[in-house]
Amino acid sequence: MFLGVLASMDDSDLDSREPVSATGRSTVAMEPESWPMVSVIVPIYNGEADLPPLVDCLLAQDYPPSQVEFILVDNRSGDRSWDWLQRAQQMASDRGWQLHPLQELTIQSSYAARNRGIRVARGEILVFTDADCRPRPQWLRSLIGDFA
């Protein structure tokens, strides 16, 4: 199953007392292993400045860490994005998350970078976002809740 979503939530979502899915179904009582495996794919091009806040947001997700992998694909950046991604992999691992830095060196295009990520993704559900997005902590849980 493919779920390509760039989600936005308004401030009213922050006031919820319990996590709910996009359709309003409660996700509180679900066991981590009952959640589907998700691959979050992010194309990166000259994203050195965007990467620290993006990675902070990804690692703050309230989705079970064992059920998500973050695949960040550098697409021939001319800055230090690749170096930063390699450091981010260790930082994520230290916090119990899977972050896989990849490179797409053949074709310079966000589509090629996404396709590179898709080829290695292990998730049942694929979710896409961009380096300049700042997903809120409940982003994945809200998107995926109805699939669990």
N, C-alpha and C. Protein backbone atom coordinates (compact mmCIF):
# COMPACT_ATOMS: atom_id res chain seq x y z
N MET A 1 0.85 -1.16 0.00
CA MET A 1 0.00 0.00 0.00
C MET A 1 0.90 1.23 0.00
N PHE A 2 0.56 2.22 -0.79
CA PHE A 2 1.31 3.46 -0.83
C PHE A 2 0.43 4.59 -0.33
N LEU A 3 0.98 5.38 0.56
CA LEU A 3 0.27 6.54 1.08
C LEU A 3 1.22 7.71 0.94
N GLY A 4 1.01 8.52 -0.06
CA GLY A 4 1.86 9.68 -0.26
C GLY A 4 1.15 10.90 0.26
N VAL A 5 1.59 11.40 1.39
CA VAL A 5 0.85 12.47 2.04
C VAL A 5 1.81 13.51 2.60
N LEU A 6 1.51 14.74 2.36
CA LEU A 6 2.12 15.84 3.08
C LEU A 6 1.00 16.39 3.94
N ALA A 7 1.03 16.08 5.21
CA ALA A 7 -0.09 16.42 6.09
C ALA A 7 0.13 17.73 6.79
N SER A 8 -0.94 18.42 7.02
CA SER A 8 -0.89 19.61 7.86
C SER A 8 -2.00 19.48 8.89
N MET A 9 -1.75 20.04 10.03
CA MET A 9 -2.74 19.99 11.10
C MET A 9 -2.89 21.39 11.64
N ASP A 10 -4.09 21.74 12.04
CA ASP A 10 -4.26 23.07 12.62
C ASP A 10 -4.08 22.99 14.13
N ASP A 11 -4.07 24.13 14.79
CA ASP A 11 -3.80 24.19 16.22
C ASP A 11 -4.82 23.42 17.05
N SER A 12 -6.02 23.22 16.54
CA SER A 12 -7.01 22.47 17.32
C SER A 12 -6.56 21.03 17.52
N ASP A 13 -5.72 20.50 16.61
CA ASP A 13 -5.22 19.14 16.77
C ASP A 13 -4.31 19.01 17.98
N LEU A 14 -3.69 20.10 18.38
CA LEU A 14 -2.78 20.06 19.51
C LEU A 14 -3.51 19.93 20.83
N ASP A 15 -4.81 20.28 20.86
CA ASP A 15 -5.56 20.28 22.09
C ASP A 15 -6.21 18.94 22.40
N SER A 16 -6.07 17.96 21.50
CA SER A 16 -6.69 16.65 21.74
C SER A 16 -6.14 16.02 23.01
N ARG A 17 -7.02 15.39 23.78
CA ARG A 17 -6.58 14.72 25.01
C ARG A 17 -6.02 13.34 24.72
N GLU A 18 -6.43 12.71 23.64
CA GLU A 18 -5.89 11.41 23.29
C GLU A 18 -5.60 11.39 21.80
N PRO A 19 -4.55 10.65 21.38
CA PRO A 19 -4.24 10.59 19.96
C PRO A 19 -5.38 9.94 19.18
N VAL A 20 -5.70 10.51 18.04
CA VAL A 20 -6.74 9.96 17.18
C VAL A 20 -6.21 9.92 15.76
N SER A 21 -6.81 9.06 14.96
CA SER A 21 -6.45 8.97 13.55
C SER A 21 -7.09 10.12 12.79
N ALA A 22 -6.81 10.17 11.50
CA ALA A 22 -7.36 11.24 10.66
C ALA A 22 -8.88 11.22 10.64
N THR A 23 -9.50 10.06 10.87
CA THR A 23 -10.96 9.98 10.88
C THR A 23 -11.54 10.06 12.28
N GLY A 24 -10.68 10.33 13.27
CA GLY A 24 -11.16 10.50 14.62
C GLY A 24 -11.15 9.26 15.49
N ARG A 25 -10.68 8.14 14.97
CA ARG A 25 -10.62 6.90 15.74
C ARG A 25 -9.49 6.97 16.77
N SER A 26 -9.75 6.59 18.01
CA SER A 26 -8.73 6.62 19.07
C SER A 26 -7.62 5.62 18.76
N THR A 27 -6.37 6.06 19.04
CA THR A 27 -5.22 5.19 18.81
C THR A 27 -4.47 4.90 20.10
N VAL A 28 -5.05 5.23 21.24
CA VAL A 28 -4.36 5.11 22.52
C VAL A 28 -4.05 3.66 22.88
N ALA A 29 -5.00 2.75 22.75
CA ALA A 29 -4.85 1.39 23.28
C ALA A 29 -4.09 0.45 22.35
N MET A 30 -3.59 0.92 21.26
CA MET A 30 -2.94 0.03 20.30
C MET A 30 -1.53 -0.33 20.75
N GLU A 31 -1.21 -1.62 20.64
CA GLU A 31 0.13 -2.10 20.96
C GLU A 31 1.08 -1.73 19.82
N PRO A 32 2.35 -1.40 20.13
CA PRO A 32 3.28 -1.00 19.08
C PRO A 32 3.39 -1.99 17.93
N GLU A 33 3.40 -3.28 18.23
CA GLU A 33 3.55 -4.28 17.16
C GLU A 33 2.31 -4.39 16.28
N SER A 34 1.19 -3.81 16.70
CA SER A 34 -0.01 -3.86 15.88
C SER A 34 -0.03 -2.74 14.83
N TRP A 35 0.87 -1.77 14.96
CA TRP A 35 0.95 -0.69 13.98
C TRP A 35 1.67 -1.19 12.74
N PRO A 36 1.24 -0.78 11.55
CA PRO A 36 1.94 -1.20 10.33
C PRO A 36 3.34 -0.56 10.26
N MET A 37 4.25 -1.28 9.61
CA MET A 37 5.58 -0.74 9.35
C MET A 37 5.45 0.37 8.31
N VAL A 38 6.07 1.51 8.60
CA VAL A 38 5.97 2.68 7.74
C VAL A 38 7.37 3.10 7.31
N SER A 39 7.50 3.44 6.05
CA SER A 39 8.73 4.04 5.53
C SER A 39 8.43 5.49 5.17
N VAL A 40 9.15 6.40 5.81
CA VAL A 40 9.03 7.82 5.51
C VAL A 40 10.19 8.19 4.60
N ILE A 41 9.87 8.67 3.40
CA ILE A 41 10.89 8.97 2.39
C ILE A 41 10.96 10.47 2.19
N VAL A 42 12.20 11.00 2.27
CA VAL A 42 12.41 12.44 2.16
C VAL A 42 13.53 12.70 1.15
N PRO A 43 13.21 13.34 0.02
CA PRO A 43 14.29 13.75 -0.89
C PRO A 43 14.98 15.00 -0.34
N ILE A 44 16.30 15.05 -0.50
CA ILE A 44 17.08 16.17 0.03
C ILE A 44 17.92 16.75 -1.10
N TYR A 45 17.85 18.05 -1.28
CA TYR A 45 18.76 18.73 -2.22
C TYR A 45 19.21 20.03 -1.55
N ASN A 46 20.50 20.11 -1.29
CA ASN A 46 21.07 21.29 -0.61
C ASN A 46 20.22 21.65 0.61
N GLY A 47 19.99 20.65 1.44
CA GLY A 47 19.11 20.83 2.59
C GLY A 47 19.84 20.96 3.92
N GLU A 48 21.10 21.29 3.88
CA GLU A 48 21.90 21.35 5.11
C GLU A 48 21.22 22.18 6.20
N ALA A 49 20.66 23.31 5.85
CA ALA A 49 20.00 24.17 6.85
C ALA A 49 18.67 23.57 7.32
N ASP A 50 17.99 22.82 6.45
CA ASP A 50 16.70 22.23 6.80
C ASP A 50 16.81 20.94 7.60
N LEU A 51 17.93 20.26 7.48
CA LEU A 51 18.03 18.93 8.08
C LEU A 51 17.95 18.89 9.61
N PRO A 52 18.64 19.76 10.34
CA PRO A 52 18.53 19.66 11.81
C PRO A 52 17.09 19.78 12.32
N PRO A 53 16.31 20.79 11.91
CA PRO A 53 14.93 20.83 12.42
C PRO A 53 14.06 19.70 11.88
N LEU A 54 14.28 19.27 10.65
CA LEU A 54 13.51 18.15 10.11
C LEU A 54 13.77 16.89 10.92
N VAL A 55 15.03 16.55 11.13
CA VAL A 55 15.37 15.32 11.86
C VAL A 55 14.84 15.41 13.29
N ASP A 56 14.93 16.57 13.91
CA ASP A 56 14.35 16.73 15.25
C ASP A 56 12.86 16.39 15.24
N CYS A 57 12.15 16.87 14.23
CA CYS A 57 10.70 16.59 14.14
C CYS A 57 10.43 15.11 13.88
N LEU A 58 11.22 14.49 13.02
CA LEU A 58 11.02 13.07 12.73
C LEU A 58 11.26 12.21 13.97
N LEU A 59 12.30 12.54 14.73
CA LEU A 59 12.64 11.75 15.91
C LEU A 59 11.73 12.06 17.10
N ALA A 60 10.86 13.04 16.94
CA ALA A 60 9.88 13.37 18.00
C ALA A 60 8.52 12.75 17.72
N GLN A 61 8.41 11.94 16.68
CA GLN A 61 7.12 11.32 16.36
C GLN A 61 6.66 10.42 17.49
N ASP A 62 5.34 10.37 17.72
CA ASP A 62 4.81 9.50 18.75
C ASP A 62 4.40 8.13 18.18
N TYR A 63 4.87 7.81 17.01
CA TYR A 63 4.67 6.50 16.38
C TYR A 63 5.72 5.55 16.96
N PRO A 64 5.41 4.26 17.12
CA PRO A 64 6.39 3.33 17.70
C PRO A 64 7.67 3.26 16.86
N PRO A 65 8.83 3.56 17.45
CA PRO A 65 10.09 3.55 16.71
C PRO A 65 10.39 2.23 16.00
N SER A 66 9.92 1.11 16.56
CA SER A 66 10.18 -0.18 15.94
C SER A 66 9.39 -0.37 14.65
N GLN A 67 8.43 0.50 14.39
CA GLN A 67 7.53 0.34 13.24
C GLN A 67 7.71 1.42 12.18
N VAL A 68 8.83 2.14 12.24
CA VAL A 68 9.04 3.20 11.25
C VAL A 68 10.51 3.27 10.88
N GLU A 69 10.76 3.55 9.61
CA GLU A 69 12.11 3.85 9.15
C GLU A 69 12.05 5.16 8.38
N PHE A 70 13.05 5.99 8.59
CA PHE A 70 13.16 7.26 7.88
C PHE A 70 14.25 7.09 6.83
N ILE A 71 13.88 7.30 5.57
CA ILE A 71 14.81 7.16 4.46
C ILE A 71 15.02 8.56 3.87
N LEU A 72 16.19 9.12 4.10
CA LEU A 72 16.51 10.46 3.62
C LEU A 72 17.50 10.33 2.47
N VAL A 73 17.09 10.80 1.29
CA VAL A 73 17.86 10.58 0.07
C VAL A 73 18.46 11.89 -0.41
N ASP A 74 19.79 11.98 -0.32
CA ASP A 74 20.51 13.15 -0.83
C ASP A 74 20.58 13.05 -2.35
N ASN A 75 20.26 14.14 -3.01
CA ASN A 75 20.16 14.15 -4.47
C ASN A 75 21.21 15.09 -5.08
N ARG A 76 22.47 14.70 -4.94
CA ARG A 76 23.60 15.44 -5.52
C ARG A 76 23.71 16.86 -4.96
N SER A 77 23.53 16.98 -3.66
CA SER A 77 23.64 18.28 -3.02
C SER A 77 25.06 18.83 -3.16
N GLY A 78 25.15 20.16 -3.25
CA GLY A 78 26.43 20.83 -3.32
C GLY A 78 26.89 21.35 -1.97
N ASP A 79 26.07 21.17 -0.95
CA ASP A 79 26.43 21.61 0.40
C ASP A 79 26.85 20.39 1.22
N ARG A 80 26.79 20.48 2.51
CA ARG A 80 27.21 19.39 3.39
C ARG A 80 26.05 18.51 3.85
N SER A 81 25.00 18.43 3.05
CA SER A 81 23.84 17.60 3.41
C SER A 81 24.23 16.15 3.67
N TRP A 82 25.04 15.58 2.81
CA TRP A 82 25.41 14.17 2.95
C TRP A 82 26.16 13.92 4.26
N ASP A 83 27.09 14.79 4.59
CA ASP A 83 27.82 14.65 5.87
C ASP A 83 26.85 14.72 7.04
N TRP A 84 25.91 15.65 6.97
CA TRP A 84 24.95 15.81 8.06
C TRP A 84 24.06 14.58 8.18
N LEU A 85 23.64 14.01 7.05
CA LEU A 85 22.79 12.82 7.08
C LEU A 85 23.51 11.64 7.73
N GLN A 86 24.78 11.50 7.47
CA GLN A 86 25.53 10.41 8.08
C GLN A 86 25.62 10.57 9.60
N ARG A 87 25.80 11.79 10.06
CA ARG A 87 25.81 12.05 11.51
C ARG A 87 24.41 11.82 12.10
N ALA A 88 23.39 12.21 11.36
CA ALA A 88 22.01 12.04 11.82
C ALA A 88 21.66 10.56 11.98
N GLN A 89 22.24 9.71 11.15
CA GLN A 89 21.97 8.28 11.27
C GLN A 89 22.40 7.77 12.64
N GLN A 90 23.57 8.16 13.11
CA GLN A 90 24.04 7.72 14.42
C GLN A 90 23.19 8.33 15.53
N MET A 91 22.85 9.60 15.39
CA MET A 91 22.02 10.27 16.39
C MET A 91 20.67 9.55 16.52
N ALA A 92 20.06 9.20 15.39
CA ALA A 92 18.77 8.49 15.41
C ALA A 92 18.92 7.12 16.05
N SER A 93 19.96 6.41 15.69
CA SER A 93 20.20 5.09 16.25
C SER A 93 20.37 5.15 17.77
N ASP A 94 21.07 6.16 18.25
CA ASP A 94 21.26 6.32 19.68
C ASP A 94 19.94 6.54 20.41
N ARG A 95 18.93 7.04 19.70
CA ARG A 95 17.62 7.30 20.30
C ARG A 95 16.61 6.19 20.00
N GLY A 96 17.06 5.11 19.33
CA GLY A 96 16.19 3.98 19.06
C GLY A 96 15.42 4.03 17.76
N TRP A 97 15.79 4.93 16.85
CA TRP A 97 15.10 5.08 15.56
C TRP A 97 15.98 4.55 14.43
N GLN A 98 15.32 4.20 13.33
CA GLN A 98 16.03 3.79 12.12
C GLN A 98 16.03 4.94 11.12
N LEU A 99 17.19 5.47 10.81
CA LEU A 99 17.32 6.52 9.80
C LEU A 99 18.36 6.04 8.80
N HIS A 100 17.95 5.95 7.54
CA HIS A 100 18.82 5.44 6.48
C HIS A 100 19.16 6.57 5.50
N PRO A 101 20.40 7.05 5.53
CA PRO A 101 20.80 8.04 4.52
C PRO A 101 21.18 7.32 3.22
N LEU A 102 20.68 7.82 2.13
CA LEU A 102 21.00 7.28 0.81
C LEU A 102 21.41 8.41 -0.11
N GLN A 103 22.00 8.04 -1.24
CA GLN A 103 22.32 9.04 -2.26
C GLN A 103 21.73 8.61 -3.60
N GLU A 104 21.22 9.57 -4.33
CA GLU A 104 20.82 9.39 -5.73
C GLU A 104 21.77 10.27 -6.53
N LEU A 105 22.71 9.62 -7.21
CA LEU A 105 23.75 10.36 -7.92
C LEU A 105 23.58 10.38 -9.43
N THR A 106 22.65 9.59 -9.95
CA THR A 106 22.49 9.48 -11.40
C THR A 106 21.65 10.61 -11.99
N ILE A 107 20.48 10.83 -11.41
CA ILE A 107 19.54 11.83 -11.94
C ILE A 107 19.28 12.86 -10.86
N GLN A 108 19.43 14.14 -11.19
CA GLN A 108 19.18 15.21 -10.23
C GLN A 108 17.72 15.61 -10.35
N SER A 109 16.88 15.02 -9.49
CA SER A 109 15.45 15.28 -9.49
C SER A 109 14.85 14.72 -8.21
N SER A 110 13.92 15.44 -7.63
CA SER A 110 13.28 14.93 -6.41
C SER A 110 12.54 13.62 -6.71
N TYR A 111 12.06 13.46 -7.93
CA TYR A 111 11.36 12.21 -8.30
C TYR A 111 12.34 11.04 -8.26
N ALA A 112 13.55 11.25 -8.78
CA ALA A 112 14.56 10.19 -8.77
C ALA A 112 14.96 9.86 -7.33
N ALA A 113 15.08 10.88 -6.50
CA ALA A 113 15.43 10.64 -5.09
C ALA A 113 14.32 9.86 -4.39
N ARG A 114 13.08 10.21 -4.62
CA ARG A 114 11.97 9.46 -4.03
C ARG A 114 11.98 8.01 -4.51
N ASN A 115 12.18 7.83 -5.80
CA ASN A 115 12.21 6.48 -6.37
C ASN A 115 13.34 5.65 -5.77
N ARG A 116 14.48 6.27 -5.52
CA ARG A 116 15.60 5.57 -4.86
C ARG A 116 15.16 5.10 -3.47
N GLY A 117 14.48 5.96 -2.75
CA GLY A 117 13.97 5.59 -1.43
C GLY A 117 12.95 4.48 -1.49
N ILE A 118 12.06 4.54 -2.47
CA ILE A 118 11.03 3.51 -2.63
C ILE A 118 11.67 2.14 -2.85
N ARG A 119 12.75 2.10 -3.63
CA ARG A 119 13.39 0.82 -3.95
C ARG A 119 13.95 0.11 -2.71
N VAL A 120 14.31 0.84 -1.67
CA VAL A 120 14.87 0.19 -0.48
C VAL A 120 13.88 0.13 0.69
N ALA A 121 12.74 0.77 0.54
CA ALA A 121 11.76 0.84 1.63
C ALA A 121 11.26 -0.55 2.00
N ARG A 122 11.09 -0.75 3.32
CA ARG A 122 10.59 -2.02 3.84
C ARG A 122 9.18 -1.90 4.39
N GLY A 123 8.65 -0.69 4.44
CA GLY A 123 7.36 -0.47 5.06
C GLY A 123 6.19 -0.98 4.24
N GLU A 124 5.12 -1.31 4.96
CA GLU A 124 3.86 -1.65 4.31
C GLU A 124 3.23 -0.40 3.70
N ILE A 125 3.51 0.72 4.33
CA ILE A 125 2.97 2.00 3.91
C ILE A 125 4.13 2.96 3.68
N LEU A 126 4.09 3.67 2.57
CA LEU A 126 5.11 4.67 2.27
C LEU A 126 4.50 6.05 2.47
N VAL A 127 5.23 6.89 3.17
CA VAL A 127 4.79 8.25 3.44
C VAL A 127 5.90 9.18 2.94
N PHE A 128 5.51 10.27 2.32
CA PHE A 128 6.49 11.20 1.76
C PHE A 128 6.34 12.57 2.40
N THR A 129 7.46 13.21 2.60
CA THR A 129 7.48 14.60 3.02
C THR A 129 8.72 15.24 2.41
N ASP A 130 8.90 16.51 2.65
CA ASP A 130 10.04 17.24 2.09
C ASP A 130 10.92 17.78 3.20
N ALA A 131 12.15 18.12 2.86
CA ALA A 131 13.12 18.56 3.85
C ALA A 131 12.71 19.84 4.57
N ASP A 132 11.95 20.68 3.91
CA ASP A 132 11.56 21.95 4.54
C ASP A 132 10.25 21.84 5.33
N CYS A 133 9.71 20.64 5.47
CA CYS A 133 8.50 20.43 6.28
C CYS A 133 8.90 20.17 7.73
N ARG A 134 7.98 20.47 8.63
CA ARG A 134 8.20 20.25 10.06
C ARG A 134 7.00 19.48 10.63
N PRO A 135 6.99 18.16 10.44
CA PRO A 135 5.85 17.38 10.92
C PRO A 135 5.73 17.41 12.44
N ARG A 136 4.51 17.62 12.90
CA ARG A 136 4.24 17.62 14.34
C ARG A 136 4.36 16.21 14.90
N PRO A 137 4.55 16.07 16.21
CA PRO A 137 4.77 14.74 16.80
C PRO A 137 3.67 13.72 16.49
N GLN A 138 2.44 14.13 16.34
CA GLN A 138 1.34 13.19 16.09
C GLN A 138 1.10 12.92 14.60
N TRP A 139 1.95 13.46 13.74
CA TRP A 139 1.77 13.37 12.29
C TRP A 139 1.58 11.92 11.82
N LEU A 140 2.54 11.05 12.07
CA LEU A 140 2.44 9.67 11.58
C LEU A 140 1.29 8.92 12.22
N ARG A 141 1.14 9.04 13.52
CA ARG A 141 0.06 8.32 14.22
C ARG A 141 -1.30 8.73 13.65
N SER A 142 -1.46 10.00 13.38
CA SER A 142 -2.72 10.48 12.83
C SER A 142 -2.95 9.97 11.41
N LEU A 143 -1.89 9.94 10.61
CA LEU A 143 -2.02 9.45 9.22
C LEU A 143 -2.29 7.96 9.16
N ILE A 144 -1.62 7.21 9.99
CA ILE A 144 -1.62 5.75 9.86
C ILE A 144 -2.67 5.08 10.73
N GLY A 145 -3.23 5.77 11.70
CA GLY A 145 -4.17 5.17 12.64
C GLY A 145 -5.28 4.36 12.00
N ASP A 146 -5.80 4.81 10.89
CA ASP A 146 -6.90 4.08 10.25
C ASP A 146 -6.45 2.82 9.54
N PHE A 147 -5.14 2.66 9.35
CA PHE A 147 -4.62 1.46 8.70
C PHE A 147 -4.23 0.39 9.71
N ALA A 148 -4.18 0.76 10.97
CA ALA A 148 -3.71 -0.18 12.00
C ALA A 148 -4.84 -1.11 12.44
